[in-house]
Every structure is written in structure tokens, then in C-alpha cells.
Amino acid sequence: PVTIEVYTTDPQLGKALGIILYNQGEYARSISTMRDLATKLTEDPEVYYYLGMAQFKANQKASAKTSLQKAVALKLSAEALAVAQKTLMEIK
């Protein structure tokens, strides 16, 4: 896999990197990136969605539940909302 190292203060660039890492199956790195971003982009549902989905894939169920509940509360897109709700039902 290609290693991407980005040192930036641009949260949107960091968010894009976290999503790319998630899509590549780099769940631990995606979690680390998105967890850091969640402190800066506190009202961004996509940050919490990808954080929660990466946590779920990494078998961090309790953390995934918290992150996905926050994503749902922040008004996700319809497609992401459906996936988040389905995943939350699997966690319970």
C-alpha cells in the first residue's frame, strides 16, 4: 500500500485523507486521523461517520456506537444515515 504522510493544519485535507484511508482498509490510521479531526470539526457528521465506521471495522464496537450516534445526530446524508443506522443495529 502507498503510504501517505500529510502534515497540515487544514482540517478538510485531513478529512479527505481519513476517508481515503478508510476506503483503503487502513482502519487504524483512519481512526487516528478522524479522532484528531473530531476535536476540530466537532459539528461535521462525516468525520464522526467515518470514525465510527472505521472503529466498527476495527472491532471497537463501543467507540463505534458513540461515534455513529453522534454522526446520526448531526444530520448525515440519506445514504450514510442508512448505513450508520444499520451498523448501529448490528452493534446492539
N, C-alpha and C. Protein backbone atom coordinates (compact mmCIF):
# COMPACT_ATOMS: atom_id res chain seq x y z
N PRO A 1 0.82 -1.20 0.00
CA PRO A 1 0.00 0.00 0.00
C PRO A 1 0.87 1.26 0.00
N VAL A 2 0.34 2.27 -0.59
CA VAL A 2 1.02 3.55 -0.65
C VAL A 2 0.90 4.24 0.70
N THR A 3 1.99 4.74 1.21
CA THR A 3 1.98 5.47 2.47
C THR A 3 1.84 6.95 2.17
N ILE A 4 0.87 7.56 2.79
CA ILE A 4 0.64 8.99 2.60
C ILE A 4 0.88 9.68 3.94
N GLU A 5 1.82 10.58 3.97
CA GLU A 5 2.06 11.35 5.18
C GLU A 5 1.72 12.80 4.88
N VAL A 6 0.76 13.34 5.58
CA VAL A 6 0.37 14.72 5.37
C VAL A 6 0.46 15.44 6.71
N TYR A 7 1.24 16.49 6.74
CA TYR A 7 1.32 17.32 7.93
C TYR A 7 0.70 18.66 7.57
N THR A 8 -0.48 18.89 8.06
CA THR A 8 -1.20 20.09 7.66
C THR A 8 -2.08 20.58 8.79
N THR A 9 -2.41 21.84 8.71
CA THR A 9 -3.38 22.38 9.66
C THR A 9 -4.74 22.53 8.99
N ASP A 10 -4.87 22.05 7.77
CA ASP A 10 -6.12 22.14 7.01
C ASP A 10 -7.02 20.95 7.36
N PRO A 11 -8.06 21.16 8.17
CA PRO A 11 -8.91 20.04 8.58
C PRO A 11 -9.62 19.36 7.41
N GLN A 12 -9.96 20.10 6.36
CA GLN A 12 -10.65 19.48 5.23
C GLN A 12 -9.73 18.51 4.49
N LEU A 13 -8.46 18.86 4.39
CA LEU A 13 -7.49 17.96 3.77
C LEU A 13 -7.31 16.71 4.63
N GLY A 14 -7.25 16.92 5.94
CA GLY A 14 -7.15 15.79 6.85
C GLY A 14 -8.36 14.87 6.76
N LYS A 15 -9.53 15.48 6.62
CA LYS A 15 -10.77 14.70 6.48
C LYS A 15 -10.72 13.84 5.22
N ALA A 16 -10.26 14.44 4.12
CA ALA A 16 -10.15 13.69 2.86
C ALA A 16 -9.18 12.52 3.04
N LEU A 17 -8.07 12.76 3.72
CA LEU A 17 -7.10 11.69 3.98
C LEU A 17 -7.73 10.58 4.81
N GLY A 18 -8.46 10.94 5.86
CA GLY A 18 -9.11 9.94 6.71
C GLY A 18 -10.09 9.08 5.93
N ILE A 19 -10.82 9.68 5.01
CA ILE A 19 -11.79 8.95 4.18
C ILE A 19 -11.04 8.01 3.22
N ILE A 20 -9.96 8.51 2.62
CA ILE A 20 -9.16 7.67 1.72
C ILE A 20 -8.60 6.47 2.48
N LEU A 21 -8.05 6.71 3.68
CA LEU A 21 -7.51 5.62 4.48
C LEU A 21 -8.60 4.59 4.81
N TYR A 22 -9.79 5.07 5.15
CA TYR A 22 -10.91 4.16 5.42
C TYR A 22 -11.22 3.30 4.19
N ASN A 23 -11.32 3.96 3.04
CA ASN A 23 -11.65 3.24 1.81
C ASN A 23 -10.57 2.25 1.38
N GLN A 24 -9.34 2.47 1.83
CA GLN A 24 -8.24 1.55 1.54
C GLN A 24 -8.15 0.43 2.58
N GLY A 25 -9.01 0.46 3.57
CA GLY A 25 -8.98 -0.56 4.61
C GLY A 25 -7.94 -0.30 5.68
N GLU A 26 -7.40 0.90 5.72
CA GLU A 26 -6.41 1.30 6.74
C GLU A 26 -7.16 1.86 7.95
N TYR A 27 -7.89 0.98 8.62
CA TYR A 27 -8.82 1.44 9.66
C TYR A 27 -8.12 2.10 10.84
N ALA A 28 -7.01 1.55 11.30
CA ALA A 28 -6.31 2.14 12.45
C ALA A 28 -5.84 3.56 12.13
N ARG A 29 -5.30 3.77 10.95
CA ARG A 29 -4.82 5.10 10.56
C ARG A 29 -6.00 6.04 10.33
N SER A 30 -7.08 5.52 9.79
CA SER A 30 -8.28 6.35 9.60
C SER A 30 -8.83 6.79 10.96
N ILE A 31 -8.88 5.86 11.91
CA ILE A 31 -9.36 6.18 13.26
C ILE A 31 -8.50 7.28 13.87
N SER A 32 -7.20 7.14 13.77
CA SER A 32 -6.29 8.13 14.34
C SER A 32 -6.51 9.51 13.71
N THR A 33 -6.62 9.53 12.40
CA THR A 33 -6.83 10.80 11.68
C THR A 33 -8.16 11.42 12.05
N MET A 34 -9.22 10.63 12.00
CA MET A 34 -10.56 11.16 12.26
C MET A 34 -10.75 11.53 13.73
N ARG A 35 -10.13 10.80 14.63
CA ARG A 35 -10.25 11.14 16.06
C ARG A 35 -9.64 12.52 16.31
N ASP A 36 -8.48 12.77 15.70
CA ASP A 36 -7.87 14.10 15.83
C ASP A 36 -8.77 15.18 15.24
N LEU A 37 -9.37 14.90 14.08
CA LEU A 37 -10.23 15.88 13.42
C LEU A 37 -11.51 16.16 14.20
N ALA A 38 -12.00 15.15 14.91
CA ALA A 38 -13.25 15.31 15.65
C ALA A 38 -13.13 16.42 16.70
N THR A 39 -11.90 16.71 17.13
CA THR A 39 -11.71 17.80 18.09
C THR A 39 -11.76 19.16 17.41
N LYS A 40 -11.55 19.19 16.09
CA LYS A 40 -11.56 20.45 15.33
C LYS A 40 -12.87 20.65 14.59
N LEU A 41 -13.39 19.58 14.01
CA LEU A 41 -14.63 19.65 13.23
C LEU A 41 -15.75 18.99 14.03
N THR A 42 -16.07 19.60 15.15
CA THR A 42 -17.00 18.99 16.11
C THR A 42 -18.43 18.85 15.60
N GLU A 43 -18.78 19.58 14.55
CA GLU A 43 -20.15 19.52 14.03
C GLU A 43 -20.20 18.90 12.63
N ASP A 44 -19.17 18.18 12.23
CA ASP A 44 -19.11 17.57 10.89
C ASP A 44 -19.56 16.11 10.97
N PRO A 45 -20.75 15.80 10.46
CA PRO A 45 -21.25 14.43 10.59
C PRO A 45 -20.38 13.40 9.86
N GLU A 46 -19.75 13.79 8.76
CA GLU A 46 -18.91 12.84 8.01
C GLU A 46 -17.70 12.40 8.81
N VAL A 47 -17.12 13.29 9.59
CA VAL A 47 -15.97 12.92 10.41
C VAL A 47 -16.39 11.82 11.39
N TYR A 48 -17.51 12.02 12.05
CA TYR A 48 -17.98 11.02 13.02
C TYR A 48 -18.45 9.74 12.33
N TYR A 49 -19.01 9.87 11.15
CA TYR A 49 -19.45 8.68 10.39
C TYR A 49 -18.25 7.80 10.05
N TYR A 50 -17.23 8.39 9.43
CA TYR A 50 -16.06 7.60 9.04
C TYR A 50 -15.28 7.12 10.25
N LEU A 51 -15.23 7.92 11.30
CA LEU A 51 -14.60 7.47 12.54
C LEU A 51 -15.33 6.25 13.08
N GLY A 52 -16.65 6.35 13.16
CA GLY A 52 -17.45 5.23 13.67
C GLY A 52 -17.37 3.99 12.81
N MET A 53 -17.39 4.16 11.50
CA MET A 53 -17.32 3.01 10.61
C MET A 53 -15.94 2.34 10.69
N ALA A 54 -14.88 3.14 10.79
CA ALA A 54 -13.53 2.57 10.93
C ALA A 54 -13.42 1.84 12.28
N GLN A 55 -13.98 2.43 13.33
CA GLN A 55 -13.96 1.77 14.64
C GLN A 55 -14.73 0.45 14.58
N PHE A 56 -15.85 0.44 13.89
CA PHE A 56 -16.63 -0.79 13.75
C PHE A 56 -15.82 -1.86 13.03
N LYS A 57 -15.18 -1.47 11.93
CA LYS A 57 -14.37 -2.43 11.15
C LYS A 57 -13.18 -2.93 11.96
N ALA A 58 -12.68 -2.09 12.88
CA ALA A 58 -11.55 -2.48 13.73
C ALA A 58 -12.02 -3.19 15.01
N ASN A 59 -13.29 -3.51 15.08
CA ASN A 59 -13.90 -4.23 16.20
C ASN A 59 -13.86 -3.43 17.51
N GLN A 60 -13.95 -2.12 17.38
CA GLN A 60 -14.04 -1.24 18.56
C GLN A 60 -15.51 -0.82 18.69
N LYS A 61 -16.34 -1.77 19.05
CA LYS A 61 -17.79 -1.60 18.99
C LYS A 61 -18.32 -0.46 19.86
N ALA A 62 -17.85 -0.35 21.10
CA ALA A 62 -18.37 0.69 22.00
C ALA A 62 -18.04 2.08 21.44
N SER A 63 -16.82 2.26 20.98
CA SER A 63 -16.42 3.55 20.40
C SER A 63 -17.21 3.82 19.13
N ALA A 64 -17.39 2.79 18.32
CA ALA A 64 -18.13 2.93 17.06
C ALA A 64 -19.55 3.39 17.34
N LYS A 65 -20.17 2.81 18.36
CA LYS A 65 -21.55 3.18 18.70
C LYS A 65 -21.63 4.66 19.05
N THR A 66 -20.71 5.14 19.88
CA THR A 66 -20.70 6.54 20.29
C THR A 66 -20.52 7.46 19.08
N SER A 67 -19.54 7.13 18.24
CA SER A 67 -19.24 7.97 17.07
C SER A 67 -20.41 7.99 16.08
N LEU A 68 -20.99 6.83 15.82
CA LEU A 68 -22.10 6.76 14.86
C LEU A 68 -23.35 7.46 15.40
N GLN A 69 -23.59 7.35 16.70
CA GLN A 69 -24.73 8.07 17.28
C GLN A 69 -24.56 9.58 17.11
N LYS A 70 -23.34 10.06 17.29
CA LYS A 70 -23.06 11.48 17.10
C LYS A 70 -23.26 11.86 15.63
N ALA A 71 -22.80 11.01 14.71
CA ALA A 71 -22.97 11.28 13.28
C ALA A 71 -24.45 11.39 12.91
N VAL A 72 -25.25 10.47 13.42
CA VAL A 72 -26.69 10.48 13.15
C VAL A 72 -27.32 11.75 13.70
N ALA A 73 -26.91 12.16 14.89
CA ALA A 73 -27.47 13.36 15.50
C ALA A 73 -27.10 14.63 14.72
N LEU A 74 -26.00 14.58 13.98
CA LEU A 74 -25.54 15.75 13.23
C LEU A 74 -26.08 15.81 11.81
N LYS A 75 -27.04 14.98 11.46
CA LYS A 75 -27.71 15.06 10.15
C LYS A 75 -26.83 14.61 8.99
N LEU A 76 -26.59 13.33 8.92
CA LEU A 76 -25.86 12.73 7.81
C LEU A 76 -26.67 12.77 6.52
N SER A 77 -26.01 12.57 5.40
CA SER A 77 -26.72 12.39 4.14
C SER A 77 -27.56 11.12 4.24
N ALA A 78 -28.58 11.00 3.40
CA ALA A 78 -29.51 9.87 3.48
C ALA A 78 -28.80 8.53 3.34
N GLU A 79 -27.87 8.44 2.41
CA GLU A 79 -27.16 7.17 2.18
C GLU A 79 -26.32 6.79 3.38
N ALA A 80 -25.54 7.74 3.89
CA ALA A 80 -24.70 7.47 5.07
C ALA A 80 -25.56 7.20 6.30
N LEU A 81 -26.66 7.89 6.42
CA LEU A 81 -27.56 7.69 7.54
C LEU A 81 -28.08 6.25 7.57
N ALA A 82 -28.46 5.73 6.42
CA ALA A 82 -28.96 4.35 6.33
C ALA A 82 -27.89 3.36 6.77
N VAL A 83 -26.66 3.56 6.31
CA VAL A 83 -25.56 2.66 6.68
C VAL A 83 -25.27 2.78 8.18
N ALA A 84 -25.25 4.00 8.70
CA ALA A 84 -24.97 4.22 10.12
C ALA A 84 -26.03 3.54 10.99
N GLN A 85 -27.29 3.71 10.62
CA GLN A 85 -28.37 3.10 11.41
C GLN A 85 -28.30 1.58 11.36
N LYS A 86 -27.99 1.02 10.19
CA LYS A 86 -27.86 -0.44 10.05
C LYS A 86 -26.70 -0.93 10.91
N THR A 87 -25.60 -0.21 10.89
CA THR A 87 -24.44 -0.60 11.68
C THR A 87 -24.73 -0.50 13.18
N LEU A 88 -25.42 0.55 13.58
CA LEU A 88 -25.80 0.68 15.00
C LEU A 88 -26.68 -0.49 15.44
N MET A 89 -27.57 -0.95 14.57
CA MET A 89 -28.41 -2.10 14.93
C MET A 89 -27.58 -3.36 15.09
N GLU A 90 -26.52 -3.50 14.29
CA GLU A 90 -25.64 -4.66 14.42
C GLU A 90 -24.85 -4.64 15.73
N ILE A 91 -24.54 -3.44 16.20
CA ILE A 91 -23.75 -3.30 17.43
C ILE A 91 -24.56 -3.69 18.65
N LYS A 92 -25.86 -3.38 18.66
CA LYS A 92 -26.69 -3.60 19.85
C LYS A 92 -26.82 -5.05 20.23
